[in-house]
């Protein structure tokens, strides 16, 4: 969270903005849940990535085969 990374909490408290800070924190957490940005990223070895990687490799292999097979030598 930017407020914590930039160490803005004490400054906001000093300005009397603690209620606003708490609200922003709650909104950011909810926004992260809704958009799915708070979940950890999948590692390259995870099943989610492996399935898509295999599908991509298969597609590239079939495409390359189709291109090579379409070459007509004269």
Protein backbone atom coordinates (compact mmCIF):
# COMPACT_ATOMS: atom_id res chain seq x y z
CA UNK A 1 0.00 0.00 0.00
CA UNK A 2 1.38 3.39 -0.98
CA UNK A 3 0.39 5.03 2.30
CA UNK A 4 2.57 2.59 4.22
CA UNK A 5 5.35 2.44 1.62
CA UNK A 6 5.69 6.22 1.61
CA UNK A 7 5.31 6.34 5.42
CA UNK A 8 2.37 8.74 5.15
CA UNK A 9 0.43 7.41 8.16
CA UNK A 10 2.09 9.70 10.73
CA UNK A 11 1.72 12.71 8.46
CA UNK A 12 -1.98 12.02 7.90
CA UNK A 13 -2.53 11.59 11.65
CA UNK A 14 -0.76 14.88 12.27
CA UNK A 15 -3.14 16.60 9.85
CA UNK A 16 -6.17 15.00 11.54
CA UNK A 17 -6.90 12.74 8.59
CA UNK A 18 -6.90 9.41 10.46
CA UNK A 19 -10.57 8.67 9.56
CA UNK A 20 -9.76 9.28 5.90
CA UNK A 21 -6.69 7.03 6.10
CA UNK A 22 -8.75 4.20 7.62
CA UNK A 23 -11.37 4.63 4.91
CA UNK A 24 -8.75 4.58 2.14
CA UNK A 25 -7.22 1.44 3.63
CA UNK A 26 -10.60 -0.36 3.67
CA UNK A 27 -11.39 0.75 0.13
CA UNK A 28 -8.01 -0.41 -1.14
CA UNK A 29 -8.46 -3.85 0.44
CA UNK A 30 -11.94 -4.21 -1.07
CA UNK A 31 -10.74 -2.99 -4.46
CA UNK A 32 -7.94 -5.56 -4.39
CA UNK A 33 -10.42 -8.35 -3.63
CA UNK A 34 -12.77 -7.31 -6.42
CA UNK A 35 -10.06 -6.93 -9.06
CA UNK A 36 -8.07 -9.96 -7.89
CA UNK A 37 -4.88 -7.97 -7.41
CA UNK A 38 -4.32 -9.06 -3.83
CA UNK A 39 -3.85 -12.71 -4.74
CA UNK A 40 -0.25 -13.84 -5.11
CA UNK A 41 1.04 -14.16 -8.64
CA UNK A 42 1.34 -17.65 -10.06
CA UNK A 43 4.88 -18.99 -10.29
CA UNK A 44 6.16 -20.47 -13.56
CA UNK A 45 5.95 -23.97 -12.04
CA UNK A 46 2.33 -23.63 -10.88
CA UNK A 47 -0.36 -25.77 -12.53
CA UNK A 48 -2.20 -22.67 -13.82
CA UNK A 49 0.86 -21.48 -15.72
CA UNK A 50 1.94 -24.97 -16.83
CA UNK A 51 -1.41 -25.71 -18.52
CA UNK A 52 -1.35 -22.44 -20.45
CA UNK A 53 2.33 -22.82 -21.30
CA UNK A 54 1.74 -26.31 -22.69
CA UNK A 55 -1.21 -25.05 -24.75
CA UNK A 56 0.91 -22.21 -26.12
CA UNK A 57 3.76 -24.56 -27.04
CA UNK A 58 1.32 -26.92 -28.78
CA UNK A 59 -0.20 -24.04 -30.73
CA UNK A 60 3.21 -22.79 -31.82
CA UNK A 61 4.25 -26.30 -32.82
CA UNK A 62 1.09 -26.76 -34.94
CA UNK A 63 1.48 -23.31 -36.49
CA UNK A 64 5.13 -23.94 -37.36
CA UNK A 65 4.17 -27.29 -38.89
CA UNK A 66 1.45 -25.64 -40.97
CA UNK A 67 3.84 -22.95 -42.22
CA UNK A 68 6.55 -25.45 -43.06
CA UNK A 69 4.00 -27.70 -44.78
CA UNK A 70 2.69 -24.84 -46.89
CA UNK A 71 6.06 -24.07 -48.45
CA UNK A 72 6.09 -25.12 -52.09
CA UNK A 73 9.43 -25.67 -53.71
CA UNK A 74 9.63 -24.94 -57.39
